[in-house]
Amino acid sequence: MKKILLTTASLFFCLVICFAAIEGLAGKWSGSIKTPDGNDIDLTYIFKVDGAKLTGTAISQGIEIPIDSGKVNGNEFKFSVTNPDGVTIPHKGKYLGDSVSIDLDYQGTNFHSTLKRVDK
């Protein structure tokens, strides 16, 4: 009986810690990507986390785009944005505490960025 109770309590605390960690993703994050022609494009994301749901806004070149289909799983997350030209850009990322590692696929070209927190 003690073993079952201890195992259940351990699993519960692991789950609580996972949700607490990903809640730290909420806030404003910035970084940049380098285009194939060598230009830097600044990126800013404002993430909102509600359980396993991720919402918010992506901002680049003065254009704000809502985050679609956002999901979190542990410290990993994914979402997409659809730019004004109708191109859907899937994103995958990992929350690392003091930074966010993010990969995006723009029409078959993969980009990576490390985002830093702008504020909480």
PDB file of N, CA and C in Angstrom:
ATOM      1  N   MET A   1       0.819  -1.199   0.000  1.00  0.00           N
ATOM      2  CA  MET A   1       0.000   0.000   0.000  1.00  0.00           C
ATOM      3  C   MET A   1       0.867   1.269   0.000  1.00  0.00           C
ATOM      4  N   LYS A   2       1.930   1.261   0.822  1.00  0.00           N
ATOM      5  CA  LYS A   2       2.819   2.415   0.879  1.00  0.00           C
ATOM      6  C   LYS A   2       3.489   2.651  -0.470  1.00  0.00           C
ATOM      7  N   LYS A   3       3.866   1.556  -1.143  1.00  0.00           N
ATOM      8  CA  LYS A   3       4.541   1.675  -2.440  1.00  0.00           C
ATOM      9  C   LYS A   3       3.612   2.317  -3.472  1.00  0.00           C
ATOM     10  N   ILE A   4       2.346   1.942  -3.496  1.00  0.00           N
ATOM     11  CA  ILE A   4       1.374   2.522  -4.431  1.00  0.00           C
ATOM     12  C   ILE A   4       1.179   4.001  -4.133  1.00  0.00           C
ATOM     13  N   LEU A   5       1.050   4.338  -2.860  1.00  0.00           N
ATOM     14  CA  LEU A   5       0.861   5.731  -2.457  1.00  0.00           C
ATOM     15  C   LEU A   5       2.084   6.576  -2.828  1.00  0.00           C
ATOM     16  N   LEU A   6       3.272   6.048  -2.581  1.00  0.00           N
ATOM     17  CA  LEU A   6       4.502   6.766  -2.906  1.00  0.00           C
ATOM     18  C   LEU A   6       4.647   6.954  -4.413  1.00  0.00           C
ATOM     19  N   THR A   7       4.349   5.923  -5.184  1.00  0.00           N
ATOM     20  CA  THR A   7       4.423   6.007  -6.646  1.00  0.00           C
ATOM     21  C   THR A   7       3.429   7.030  -7.182  1.00  0.00           C
ATOM     22  N   THR A   8       2.210   7.014  -6.692  1.00  0.00           N
ATOM     23  CA  THR A   8       1.179   7.965  -7.118  1.00  0.00           C
ATOM     24  C   THR A   8       1.588   9.395  -6.786  1.00  0.00           C
ATOM     25  N   ALA A   9       2.106   9.604  -5.591  1.00  0.00           N
ATOM     26  CA  ALA A   9       2.534  10.945  -5.182  1.00  0.00           C
ATOM     27  C   ALA A   9       3.690  11.422  -6.058  1.00  0.00           C
ATOM     28  N   SER A  10       4.641  10.538  -6.359  1.00  0.00           N
ATOM     29  CA  SER A  10       5.782  10.914  -7.214  1.00  0.00           C
ATOM     30  C   SER A  10       5.324  11.318  -8.608  1.00  0.00           C
ATOM     31  N   LEU A  11       4.421  10.546  -9.187  1.00  0.00           N
ATOM     32  CA  LEU A  11       3.900  10.873 -10.512  1.00  0.00           C
ATOM     33  C   LEU A  11       3.164  12.204 -10.511  1.00  0.00           C
ATOM     34  N   PHE A  12       2.394  12.454  -9.478  1.00  0.00           N
ATOM     35  CA  PHE A  12       1.654  13.711  -9.360  1.00  0.00           C
ATOM     36  C   PHE A  12       2.619  14.895  -9.319  1.00  0.00           C
ATOM     37  N   PHE A  13       3.670  14.805  -8.507  1.00  0.00           N
ATOM     38  CA  PHE A  13       4.622  15.908  -8.398  1.00  0.00           C
ATOM     39  C   PHE A  13       5.404  16.122  -9.694  1.00  0.00           C
ATOM     40  N   CYS A  14       5.711  15.044 -10.411  1.00  0.00           N
ATOM     41  CA  CYS A  14       6.366  15.185 -11.725  1.00  0.00           C
ATOM     42  C   CYS A  14       5.469  15.945 -12.691  1.00  0.00           C
ATOM     43  N   LEU A  15       4.185  15.624 -12.690  1.00  0.00           N
ATOM     44  CA  LEU A  15       3.232  16.307 -13.555  1.00  0.00           C
ATOM     45  C   LEU A  15       3.134  17.784 -13.199  1.00  0.00           C
ATOM     46  N   VAL A  16       3.070  18.101 -11.917  1.00  0.00           N
ATOM     47  CA  VAL A  16       2.998  19.493 -11.467  1.00  0.00           C
ATOM     48  C   VAL A  16       4.248  20.255 -11.901  1.00  0.00           C
ATOM     49  N   ILE A  17       5.407  19.640 -11.771  1.00  0.00           N
ATOM     50  CA  ILE A  17       6.655  20.297 -12.157  1.00  0.00           C
ATOM     51  C   ILE A  17       6.686  20.560 -13.657  1.00  0.00           C
ATOM     52  N   CYS A  18       6.210  19.600 -14.470  1.00  0.00           N
ATOM     53  CA  CYS A  18       6.166  19.799 -15.927  1.00  0.00           C
ATOM     54  C   CYS A  18       5.284  20.984 -16.294  1.00  0.00           C
ATOM     55  N   PHE A  19       4.092  21.069 -15.689  1.00  0.00           N
ATOM     56  CA  PHE A  19       3.200  22.186 -15.994  1.00  0.00           C
ATOM     57  C   PHE A  19       3.784  23.501 -15.500  1.00  0.00           C
ATOM     58  N   ALA A  20       4.441  23.497 -14.359  1.00  0.00           N
ATOM     59  CA  ALA A  20       5.054  24.726 -13.851  1.00  0.00           C
ATOM     60  C   ALA A  20       6.172  25.179 -14.776  1.00  0.00           C
ATOM     61  N   ALA A  21       6.956  24.231 -15.299  1.00  0.00           N
ATOM     62  CA  ALA A  21       8.059  24.588 -16.189  1.00  0.00           C
ATOM     63  C   ALA A  21       7.547  25.230 -17.468  1.00  0.00           C
ATOM     64  N   ILE A  22       6.555  24.639 -18.107  1.00  0.00           N
ATOM     65  CA  ILE A  22       6.069  25.183 -19.369  1.00  0.00           C
ATOM     66  C   ILE A  22       5.304  26.487 -19.154  1.00  0.00           C
ATOM     67  N   GLU A  23       4.739  26.696 -17.972  1.00  0.00           N
ATOM     68  CA  GLU A  23       4.094  27.982 -17.687  1.00  0.00           C
ATOM     69  C   GLU A  23       5.113  29.112 -17.774  1.00  0.00           C
ATOM     70  N   GLY A  24       6.398  28.811 -17.526  1.00  0.00           N
ATOM     71  CA  GLY A  24       7.459  29.807 -17.643  1.00  0.00           C
ATOM     72  C   GLY A  24       7.666  30.282 -19.068  1.00  0.00           C
ATOM     73  N   LEU A  25       7.102  29.562 -20.029  1.00  0.00           N
ATOM     74  CA  LEU A  25       7.189  29.953 -21.436  1.00  0.00           C
ATOM     75  C   LEU A  25       6.379  31.223 -21.704  1.00  0.00           C
ATOM     76  N   ALA A  26       5.344  31.447 -20.927  1.00  0.00           N
ATOM     77  CA  ALA A  26       4.477  32.614 -21.141  1.00  0.00           C
ATOM     78  C   ALA A  26       5.298  33.900 -21.044  1.00  0.00           C
ATOM     79  N   GLY A  27       5.049  34.808 -21.973  1.00  0.00           N
ATOM     80  CA  GLY A  27       5.744  36.085 -21.972  1.00  0.00           C
ATOM     81  C   GLY A  27       6.242  36.453 -23.350  1.00  0.00           C
ATOM     82  N   LYS A  28       7.100  37.451 -23.380  1.00  0.00           N
ATOM     83  CA  LYS A  28       7.605  37.988 -24.646  1.00  0.00           C
ATOM     84  C   LYS A  28       9.042  37.524 -24.869  1.00  0.00           C
ATOM     85  N   TRP A  29       9.304  36.974 -26.071  1.00  0.00           N
ATOM     86  CA  TRP A  29      10.602  36.427 -26.436  1.00  0.00           C
ATOM     87  C   TRP A  29      11.037  36.997 -27.785  1.00  0.00           C
ATOM     88  N   SER A  30      12.329  37.271 -27.941  1.00  0.00           N
ATOM     89  CA  SER A  30      12.836  37.820 -29.208  1.00  0.00           C
ATOM     90  C   SER A  30      14.101  37.113 -29.649  1.00  0.00           C
ATOM     91  N   GLY A  31      14.283  37.107 -30.968  1.00  0.00           N
ATOM     92  CA  GLY A  31      15.471  36.541 -31.587  1.00  0.00           C
ATOM     93  C   GLY A  31      15.489  36.953 -33.040  1.00  0.00           C
ATOM     94  N   SER A  32      16.244  36.234 -33.847  1.00  0.00           N
ATOM     95  CA  SER A  32      16.279  36.537 -35.275  1.00  0.00           C
ATOM     96  C   SER A  32      16.646  35.271 -36.045  1.00  0.00           C
ATOM     97  N   ILE A  33      16.362  35.303 -37.340  1.00  0.00           N
ATOM     98  CA  ILE A  33      16.803  34.250 -38.242  1.00  0.00           C
ATOM     99  C   ILE A  33      17.616  34.896 -39.349  1.00  0.00           C
ATOM    100  N   LYS A  34      18.525  34.134 -39.908  1.00  0.00           N
ATOM    101  CA  LYS A  34      19.331  34.618 -41.021  1.00  0.00           C
ATOM    102  C   LYS A  34      18.777  33.997 -42.297  1.00  0.00           C
ATOM    103  N   THR A  35      18.433  34.827 -43.268  1.00  0.00           N
ATOM    104  CA  THR A  35      17.891  34.362 -44.538  1.00  0.00           C
ATOM    105  C   THR A  35      19.021  33.816 -45.407  1.00  0.00           C
ATOM    106  N   PRO A  36      18.696  33.039 -46.444  1.00  0.00           N
ATOM    107  CA  PRO A  36      19.742  32.500 -47.328  1.00  0.00           C
ATOM    108  C   PRO A  36      20.629  33.577 -47.963  1.00  0.00           C
ATOM    109  N   ASP A  37      20.095  34.797 -48.148  1.00  0.00           N
ATOM    110  CA  ASP A  37      20.914  35.867 -48.734  1.00  0.00           C
ATOM    111  C   ASP A  37      21.707  36.647 -47.680  1.00  0.00           C
ATOM    112  N   GLY A  38      21.677  36.179 -46.416  1.00  0.00           N
ATOM    113  CA  GLY A  38      22.501  36.772 -45.371  1.00  0.00           C
ATOM    114  C   GLY A  38      21.849  37.848 -44.535  1.00  0.00           C
ATOM    115  N   ASN A  39      20.609  38.203 -44.820  1.00  0.00           N
ATOM    116  CA  ASN A  39      19.922  39.222 -44.031  1.00  0.00           C
ATOM    117  C   ASN A  39      19.365  38.621 -42.747  1.00  0.00           C
ATOM    118  N   ASP A  40      19.327  39.443 -41.694  1.00  0.00           N
ATOM    119  CA  ASP A  40      18.701  39.028 -40.439  1.00  0.00           C
ATOM    120  C   ASP A  40      17.266  39.530 -40.403  1.00  0.00           C
ATOM    121  N   ILE A  41      16.358  38.660 -39.979  1.00  0.00           N
ATOM    122  CA  ILE A  41      14.966  39.048 -39.783  1.00  0.00           C
ATOM    123  C   ILE A  41      14.665  38.888 -38.298  1.00  0.00           C
ATOM    124  N   ASP A  42      14.286  39.990 -37.653  1.00  0.00           N
ATOM    125  CA  ASP A  42      13.943  39.954 -36.238  1.00  0.00           C
ATOM    126  C   ASP A  42      12.593  39.276 -36.043  1.00  0.00           C
ATOM    127  N   LEU A  43      12.515  38.473 -34.982  1.00  0.00           N
ATOM    128  CA  LEU A  43      11.286  37.783 -34.617  1.00  0.00           C
ATOM    129  C   LEU A  43      10.962  38.080 -33.160  1.00  0.00           C
ATOM    130  N   THR A  44       9.696  38.295 -32.871  1.00  0.00           N
ATOM    131  CA  THR A  44       9.229  38.441 -31.497  1.00  0.00           C
ATOM    132  C   THR A  44       7.974  37.602 -31.349  1.00  0.00           C
ATOM    133  N   TYR A  45       7.899  36.880 -30.252  1.00  0.00           N
ATOM    134  CA  TYR A  45       6.726  36.060 -29.953  1.00  0.00           C
ATOM    135  C   TYR A  45       6.214  36.436 -28.577  1.00  0.00           C
ATOM    136  N   ILE A  46       4.917  36.566 -28.474  1.00  0.00           N
ATOM    137  CA  ILE A  46       4.273  36.757 -27.185  1.00  0.00           C
ATOM    138  C   ILE A  46       3.448  35.501 -26.944  1.00  0.00           C
ATOM    139  N   PHE A  47       3.920  34.654 -26.013  1.00  0.00           N
ATOM    140  CA  PHE A  47       3.275  33.378 -25.743  1.00  0.00           C
ATOM    141  C   PHE A  47       2.343  33.478 -24.547  1.00  0.00           C
ATOM    142  N   LYS A  48       1.197  32.827 -24.691  1.00  0.00           N
ATOM    143  CA  LYS A  48       0.244  32.661 -23.591  1.00  0.00           C
ATOM    144  C   LYS A  48      -0.006  31.167 -23.458  1.00  0.00           C
ATOM    145  N   VAL A  49       0.131  30.656 -22.232  1.00  0.00           N
ATOM    146  CA  VAL A  49      -0.010  29.226 -21.987  1.00  0.00           C
ATOM    147  C   VAL A  49      -1.186  28.999 -21.049  1.00  0.00           C
ATOM    148  N   ASP A  50      -2.077  28.087 -21.462  1.00  0.00           N
ATOM    149  CA  ASP A  50      -3.211  27.690 -20.634  1.00  0.00           C
ATOM    150  C   ASP A  50      -3.270  26.166 -20.646  1.00  0.00           C
ATOM    151  N   GLY A  51      -2.638  25.541 -19.659  1.00  0.00           N
ATOM    152  CA  GLY A  51      -2.550  24.090 -19.638  1.00  0.00           C
ATOM    153  C   GLY A  51      -1.713  23.607 -20.809  1.00  0.00           C
ATOM    154  N   ALA A  52      -2.318  22.806 -21.681  1.00  0.00           N
ATOM    155  CA  ALA A  52      -1.608  22.283 -22.858  1.00  0.00           C
ATOM    156  C   ALA A  52      -1.855  23.124 -24.096  1.00  0.00           C
ATOM    157  N   LYS A  53      -2.518  24.275 -23.942  1.00  0.00           N
ATOM    158  CA  LYS A  53      -2.846  25.129 -25.087  1.00  0.00           C
ATOM    159  C   LYS A  53      -1.900  26.335 -25.127  1.00  0.00           C
ATOM    160  N   LEU A  54      -1.366  26.599 -26.318  1.00  0.00           N
ATOM    161  CA  LEU A  54      -0.473  27.735 -26.541  1.00  0.00           C
ATOM    162  C   LEU A  54      -1.135  28.696 -27.516  1.00  0.00           C
ATOM    163  N   THR A  55      -1.254  29.952 -27.126  1.00  0.00           N
ATOM    164  CA  THR A  55      -1.790  30.998 -27.993  1.00  0.00           C
ATOM    165  C   THR A  55      -0.828  32.186 -27.926  1.00  0.00           C
ATOM    166  N   GLY A  56      -1.164  33.232 -28.631  1.00  0.00           N
ATOM    167  CA  GLY A  56      -0.349  34.434 -28.574  1.00  0.00           C
ATOM    168  C   GLY A  56      -0.193  35.080 -29.931  1.00  0.00           C
ATOM    169  N   THR A  57       0.931  35.768 -30.105  1.00  0.00           N
ATOM    170  CA  THR A  57       1.176  36.560 -31.305  1.00  0.00           C
ATOM    171  C   THR A  57       2.632  36.418 -31.743  1.00  0.00           C
ATOM    172  N   ALA A  58       2.827  36.348 -33.042  1.00  0.00           N
ATOM    173  CA  ALA A  58       4.165  36.403 -33.637  1.00  0.00           C
ATOM    174  C   ALA A  58       4.289  37.758 -34.327  1.00  0.00           C
ATOM    175  N   ILE A  59       5.452  38.402 -34.166  1.00  0.00           N
ATOM    176  CA  ILE A  59       5.669  39.725 -34.751  1.00  0.00           C
ATOM    177  C   ILE A  59       6.978  39.698 -35.534  1.00  0.00           C
ATOM    178  N   SER A  60       6.896  40.116 -36.801  1.00  0.00           N
ATOM    179  CA  SER A  60       8.096  40.217 -37.625  1.00  0.00           C
ATOM    180  C   SER A  60       7.887  41.301 -38.670  1.00  0.00           C
ATOM    181  N   GLN A  61       8.879  42.122 -38.852  1.00  0.00           N
ATOM    182  CA  GLN A  61       8.855  43.202 -39.828  1.00  0.00           C
ATOM    183  C   GLN A  61       7.609  44.078 -39.670  1.00  0.00           C
ATOM    184  N   GLY A  62       7.229  44.329 -38.417  1.00  0.00           N
ATOM    185  CA  GLY A  62       6.101  45.197 -38.105  1.00  0.00           C
ATOM    186  C   GLY A  62       4.733  44.570 -38.299  1.00  0.00           C
ATOM    187  N   ILE A  63       4.684  43.297 -38.612  1.00  0.00           N
ATOM    188  CA  ILE A  63       3.406  42.607 -38.834  1.00  0.00           C
ATOM    189  C   ILE A  63       3.129  41.666 -37.669  1.00  0.00           C
ATOM    190  N   GLU A  64       1.951  41.781 -37.079  1.00  0.00           N
ATOM    191  CA  GLU A  64       1.532  40.910 -35.989  1.00  0.00           C
ATOM    192  C   GLU A  64       0.609  39.838 -36.539  1.00  0.00           C
ATOM    193  N   ILE A  65       0.910  38.575 -36.200  1.00  0.00           N
ATOM    194  CA  ILE A  65       0.142  37.437 -36.697  1.00  0.00           C
ATOM    195  C   ILE A  65      -0.239  36.558 -35.508  1.00  0.00           C
ATOM    196  N   PRO A  66      -1.504  36.156 -35.395  1.00  0.00           N
ATOM    197  CA  PRO A  66      -1.891  35.287 -34.275  1.00  0.00           C
ATOM    198  C   PRO A  66      -1.308  33.876 -34.422  1.00  0.00           C
ATOM    199  N   ILE A  67      -1.013  33.284 -33.297  1.00  0.00           N
ATOM    200  CA  ILE A  67      -0.534  31.905 -33.245  1.00  0.00           C
ATOM    201  C   ILE A  67      -1.731  30.976 -33.362  1.00  0.00           C
ATOM    202  N   ASP A  68      -1.625  29.959 -34.255  1.00  0.00           N
ATOM    203  CA  ASP A  68      -2.689  28.979 -34.474  1.00  0.00           C
ATOM    204  C   ASP A  68      -2.246  27.606 -33.988  1.00  0.00           C
ATOM    205  N   SER A  69      -3.205  26.803 -33.596  1.00  0.00           N
ATOM    206  CA  SER A  69      -2.985  25.376 -33.308  1.00  0.00           C
ATOM    207  C   SER A  69      -1.839  25.127 -32.344  1.00  0.00           C
ATOM    208  N   GLY A  70      -1.679  25.981 -31.346  1.00  0.00           N
ATOM    209  CA  GLY A  70      -0.573  25.831 -30.411  1.00  0.00           C
ATOM    210  C   GLY A  70      -0.820  24.770 -29.358  1.00  0.00           C
ATOM    211  N   LYS A  71       0.189  23.934 -29.136  1.00  0.00           N
ATOM    212  CA  LYS A  71       0.117  22.876 -28.131  1.00  0.00           C
ATOM    213  C   LYS A  71       1.451  22.779 -27.404  1.00  0.00           C
ATOM    214  N   VAL A  72       1.372  22.468 -26.110  1.00  0.00           N
ATOM    215  CA  VAL A  72       2.573  22.227 -25.330  1.00  0.00           C
ATOM    216  C   VAL A  72       2.541  20.802 -24.804  1.00  0.00           C
ATOM    217  N   ASN A  73       3.724  20.215 -24.711  1.00  0.00           N
ATOM    218  CA  ASN A  73       3.861  18.867 -24.184  1.00  0.00           C
ATOM    219  C   ASN A  73       5.180  18.816 -23.432  1.00  0.00           C
ATOM    220  N   GLY A  74       5.113  18.859 -22.100  1.00  0.00           N
ATOM    221  CA  GLY A  74       6.338  18.934 -21.300  1.00  0.00           C
ATOM    222  C   GLY A  74       7.007  20.267 -21.545  1.00  0.00           C
ATOM    223  N   ASN A  75       8.276  20.256 -21.941  1.00  0.00           N
ATOM    224  CA  ASN A  75       8.951  21.520 -22.244  1.00  0.00           C
ATOM    225  C   ASN A  75       9.030  21.774 -23.752  1.00  0.00           C
ATOM    226  N   GLU A  76       8.310  20.957 -24.538  1.00  0.00           N
ATOM    227  CA  GLU A  76       8.270  21.147 -25.988  1.00  0.00           C
ATOM    228  C   GLU A  76       6.921  21.720 -26.402  1.00  0.00           C
ATOM    229  N   PHE A  77       6.917  22.443 -27.515  1.00  0.00           N
ATOM    230  CA  PHE A  77       5.679  23.048 -27.995  1.00  0.00           C
ATOM    231  C   PHE A  77       5.711  23.129 -29.509  1.00  0.00           C
ATOM    232  N   LYS A  78       4.525  23.322 -30.089  1.00  0.00           N
ATOM    233  CA  LYS A  78       4.430  23.533 -31.533  1.00  0.00           C
ATOM    234  C   LYS A  78       3.227  24.419 -31.813  1.00  0.00           C
ATOM    235  N   PHE A  79       3.316  25.132 -32.926  1.00  0.00           N
ATOM    236  CA  PHE A  79       2.226  26.004 -33.365  1.00  0.00           C
ATOM    237  C   PHE A  79       2.484  26.381 -34.810  1.00  0.00           C
ATOM    238  N   SER A  80       1.554  27.083 -35.398  1.00  0.00           N
ATOM    239  CA  SER A  80       1.765  27.617 -36.740  1.00  0.00           C
ATOM    240  C   SER A  80       1.249  29.044 -36.783  1.00  0.00           C
ATOM    241  N   VAL A  81       1.725  29.778 -37.767  1.00  0.00           N
ATOM    242  CA  VAL A  81       1.218  31.113 -38.073  1.00  0.00           C
ATOM    243  C   VAL A  81       0.961  31.147 -39.575  1.00  0.00           C
ATOM    244  N   THR A  82       0.003  31.951 -39.977  1.00  0.00           N
ATOM    245  CA  THR A  82      -0.291  32.124 -41.402  1.00  0.00           C
ATOM    246  C   THR A  82      -0.022  33.576 -41.752  1.00  0.00           C
ATOM    247  N   ASN A  83       0.957  33.811 -42.623  1.00  0.00           N
ATOM    248  CA  ASN A  83       1.334  35.185 -42.944  1.00  0.00           C
ATOM    249  C   ASN A  83       0.285  35.841 -43.859  1.00  0.00           C
ATOM    250  N   PRO A  84       0.392  37.150 -44.067  1.00  0.00           N
ATOM    251  CA  PRO A  84      -0.604  37.850 -44.887  1.00  0.00           C
ATOM    252  C   PRO A  84      -0.728  37.321 -46.318  1.00  0.00           C
ATOM    253  N   ASP A  85       0.302  36.628 -46.827  1.00  0.00           N
ATOM    254  CA  ASP A  85       0.232  36.039 -48.167  1.00  0.00           C
ATOM    255  C   ASP A  85      -0.469  34.687 -48.168  1.00  0.00           C
ATOM    256  N   GLY A  86      -0.929  34.245 -46.980  1.00  0.00           N
ATOM    257  CA  GLY A  86      -1.625  32.963 -46.879  1.00  0.00           C
ATOM    258  C   GLY A  86      -0.720  31.762 -46.698  1.00  0.00           C
ATOM    259  N   VAL A  87       0.567  31.990 -46.459  1.00  0.00           N
ATOM    260  CA  VAL A  87       1.514  30.893 -46.257  1.00  0.00           C
ATOM    261  C   VAL A  87       1.507  30.494 -44.782  1.00  0.00           C
ATOM    262  N   THR A  88       1.249  29.213 -44.517  1.00  0.00           N
ATOM    263  CA  THR A  88       1.275  28.701 -43.156  1.00  0.00           C
ATOM    264  C   THR A  88       2.699  28.275 -42.820  1.00  0.00           C
ATOM    265  N   ILE A  89       3.175  28.744 -41.671  1.00  0.00           N
ATOM    266  CA  ILE A  89       4.554  28.485 -41.246  1.00  0.00           C
ATOM    267  C   ILE A  89       4.520  27.699 -39.937  1.00  0.00           C
ATOM    268  N   PRO A  90       4.792  26.382 -40.001  1.00  0.00           N
ATOM    269  CA  PRO A  90       4.821  25.592 -38.768  1.00  0.00           C
ATOM    270  C   PRO A  90       6.082  25.870 -37.955  1.00  0.00           C
ATOM    271  N   HIS A  91       5.912  25.862 -36.631  1.00  0.00           N
ATOM    272  CA  HIS A  91       7.013  26.086 -35.692  1.00  0.00           C
ATOM    273  C   HIS A  91       7.061  24.921 -34.702  1.00  0.00           C
ATOM    274  N   LYS A  92       8.253  24.559 -34.277  1.00  0.00           N
ATOM    275  CA  LYS A  92       8.466  23.609 -33.181  1.00  0.00           C
ATOM    276  C   LYS A  92       9.503  24.225 -32.270  1.00  0.00           C
ATOM    277  N   GLY A  93       9.300  24.071 -30.973  1.00  0.00           N
ATOM    278  CA  GLY A  93      10.267  24.667 -30.064  1.00  0.00           C
ATOM    279  C   GLY A  93      10.440  23.896 -28.783  1.00  0.00           C
ATOM    280  N   LYS A  94      11.435  24.345 -28.028  1.00  0.00           N
ATOM    281  CA  LYS A  94      11.731  23.743 -26.738  1.00  0.00           C
ATOM    282  C   LYS A  94      12.034  24.860 -25.756  1.00  0.00           C
ATOM    283  N   TYR A  95      11.318  24.846 -24.639  1.00  0.00           N
ATOM    284  CA  TYR A  95      11.532  25.819 -23.575  1.00  0.00           C
ATOM    285  C   TYR A  95      12.710  25.353 -22.729  1.00  0.00           C
ATOM    286  N   LEU A  96      13.740  26.198 -22.615  1.00  0.00           N
ATOM    287  CA  LEU A  96      14.964  25.834 -21.912  1.00  0.00           C
ATOM    288  C   LEU A  96      15.153  26.609 -20.616  1.00  0.00           C
ATOM    289  N   GLY A  97      14.132  27.312 -20.165  1.00  0.00           N
ATOM    290  CA  GLY A  97      14.216  28.093 -18.928  1.00  0.00           C
ATOM    291  C   GLY A  97      14.589  29.532 -19.202  1.00  0.00           C
ATOM    292  N   ASP A  98      15.871  29.768 -19.535  1.00  0.00           N
ATOM    293  CA  ASP A  98      16.314  31.142 -19.801  1.00  0.00           C
ATOM    294  C   ASP A  98      16.309  31.485 -21.280  1.00  0.00           C
ATOM    295  N   SER A  99      15.958  30.495 -22.118  1.00  0.00           N
ATOM    296  CA  SER A  99      15.868  30.727 -23.556  1.00  0.00           C
ATOM    297  C   SER A  99      14.880  29.738 -24.169  1.00  0.00           C
ATOM    298  N   VAL A 100      14.570  29.989 -25.440  1.00  0.00           N
ATOM    299  CA  VAL A 100      13.688  29.109 -26.202  1.00  0.00           C
ATOM    300  C   VAL A 100      14.405  28.776 -27.505  1.00  0.00           C
ATOM    301  N   SER A 101      14.499  27.496 -27.804  1.00  0.00           N
ATOM    302  CA  SER A 101      15.043  27.038 -29.076  1.00  0.00           C
ATOM    303  C   SER A 101      13.850  26.806 -29.999  1.00  0.00           C
ATOM    304  N   ILE A 102      13.859  27.421 -31.178  1.00  0.00           N
ATOM    305  CA  ILE A 102      12.702  27.324 -32.064  1.00  0.00           C
ATOM    306  C   ILE A 102      13.148  27.051 -33.498  1.00  0.00           C
ATOM    307  N   ASP A 103      12.424  26.157 -34.161  1.00  0.00           N
ATOM    308  CA  ASP A 103      12.657  25.832 -35.565  1.00  0.00           C
ATOM    309  C   ASP A 103      11.384  26.127 -36.337  1.00  0.00           C
ATOM    310  N   LEU A 104      11.531  26.736 -37.501  1.00  0.00           N
ATOM    311  CA  LEU A 104      10.364  27.000 -38.337  1.00  0.00           C
ATOM    312  C   LEU A 104      10.655  26.589 -39.764  1.00  0.00           C
ATOM    313  N   ASP A 105       9.584  26.240 -40.458  1.00  0.00           N
ATOM    314  CA  ASP A 105       9.690  25.759 -41.838  1.00  0.00           C
ATOM    315  C   ASP A 105       8.922  26.724 -42.739  1.00  0.00           C
ATOM    316  N   TYR A 106       9.666  27.506 -43.514  1.00  0.00           N
ATOM    317  CA  TYR A 106       9.038  28.443 -44.439  1.00  0.00           C
ATOM    318  C   TYR A 106       9.144  27.872 -45.846  1.00  0.00           C
ATOM    319  N   GLN A 107       8.069  27.285 -46.309  1.00  0.00           N
ATOM    320  CA  GLN A 107       7.964  26.713 -47.645  1.00  0.00           C
ATOM    321  C   GLN A 107       9.138  25.789 -47.983  1.00  0.00           C
ATOM    322  N   GLY A 108       9.446  24.905 -47.060  1.00  0.00           N
ATOM    323  CA  GLY A 108      10.499  23.922 -47.294  1.00  0.00           C
ATOM    324  C   GLY A 108      11.889  24.346 -46.860  1.00  0.00           C
ATOM    325  N   THR A 109      12.068  25.588 -46.476  1.00  0.00           N
ATOM    326  CA  THR A 109      13.353  26.053 -45.962  1.00  0.00           C
ATOM    327  C   THR A 109      13.265  26.124 -44.446  1.00  0.00           C
ATOM    328  N   ASN A 110      14.187  25.429 -43.777  1.00  0.00           N
ATOM    329  CA  ASN A 110      14.180  25.381 -42.317  1.00  0.00           C
ATOM    330  C   ASN A 110      15.067  26.469 -41.734  1.00  0.00           C
ATOM    331  N   PHE A 111      14.560  27.087 -40.680  1.00  0.00           N
ATOM    332  CA  PHE A 111      15.292  28.127 -39.969  1.00  0.00           C
ATOM    333  C   PHE A 111      15.311  27.774 -38.492  1.00  0.00           C
ATOM    334  N   HIS A 112      16.368  28.189 -37.809  1.00  0.00           N
ATOM    335  CA  HIS A 112      16.486  27.974 -36.370  1.00  0.00           C
ATOM    336  C   HIS A 112      16.807  29.306 -35.706  1.00  0.00           C
ATOM    337  N   SER A 113      16.248  29.491 -34.509  1.00  0.00           N
ATOM    338  CA  SER A 113      16.569  30.675 -33.731  1.00  0.00           C
ATOM    339  C   SER A 113      16.570  30.315 -32.259  1.00  0.00           C
ATOM    340  N   THR A 114      17.390  31.018 -31.504  1.00  0.00           N
ATOM    341  CA  THR A 114      17.351  30.944 -30.054  1.00  0.00           C
ATOM    342  C   THR A 114      16.778  32.274 -29.577  1.00  0.00           C
ATOM    343  N   LEU A 115      15.653  32.177 -28.888  1.00  0.00           N
ATOM    344  CA  LEU A 115      14.962  33.366 -28.411  1.00  0.00           C
ATOM    345  C   LEU A 115      15.353  33.659 -26.966  1.00  0.00           C
ATOM    346  N   LYS A 116      15.435  34.921 -26.640  1.00  0.00           N
ATOM    347  CA  LYS A 116      15.699  35.359 -25.273  1.00  0.00           C
ATOM    348  C   LYS A 116      14.476  36.104 -24.757  1.00  0.00           C
ATOM    349  N   ARG A 117      14.235  35.981 -23.456  1.00  0.00           N
ATOM    350  CA  ARG A 117      13.080  36.650 -22.837  1.00  0.00           C
ATOM    351  C   ARG A 117      13.262  38.163 -22.881  1.00  0.00           C
ATOM    352  N   VAL A 118      12.203  38.848 -23.291  1.00  0.00           N
ATOM    353  CA  VAL A 118      12.189  40.307 -23.299  1.00  0.00           C
ATOM    354  C   VAL A 118      11.624  40.804 -21.981  1.00  0.00           C
ATOM    355  N   ASP A 119      10.576  40.169 -21.495  1.00  0.00           N
ATOM    356  CA  ASP A 119       9.984  40.489 -20.192  1.00  0.00           C
ATOM    357  C   ASP A 119       9.181  39.288 -19.732  1.00  0.00           C
ATOM    358  N   LYS A 120       8.651  39.384 -18.526  1.00  0.00           N
ATOM    359  CA  LYS A 120       7.823  38.286 -18.010  1.00  0.00           C
ATOM    360  C   LYS A 120       6.389  38.623 -18.059  1.00  0.00           C
TER     361      LYS A 120
END
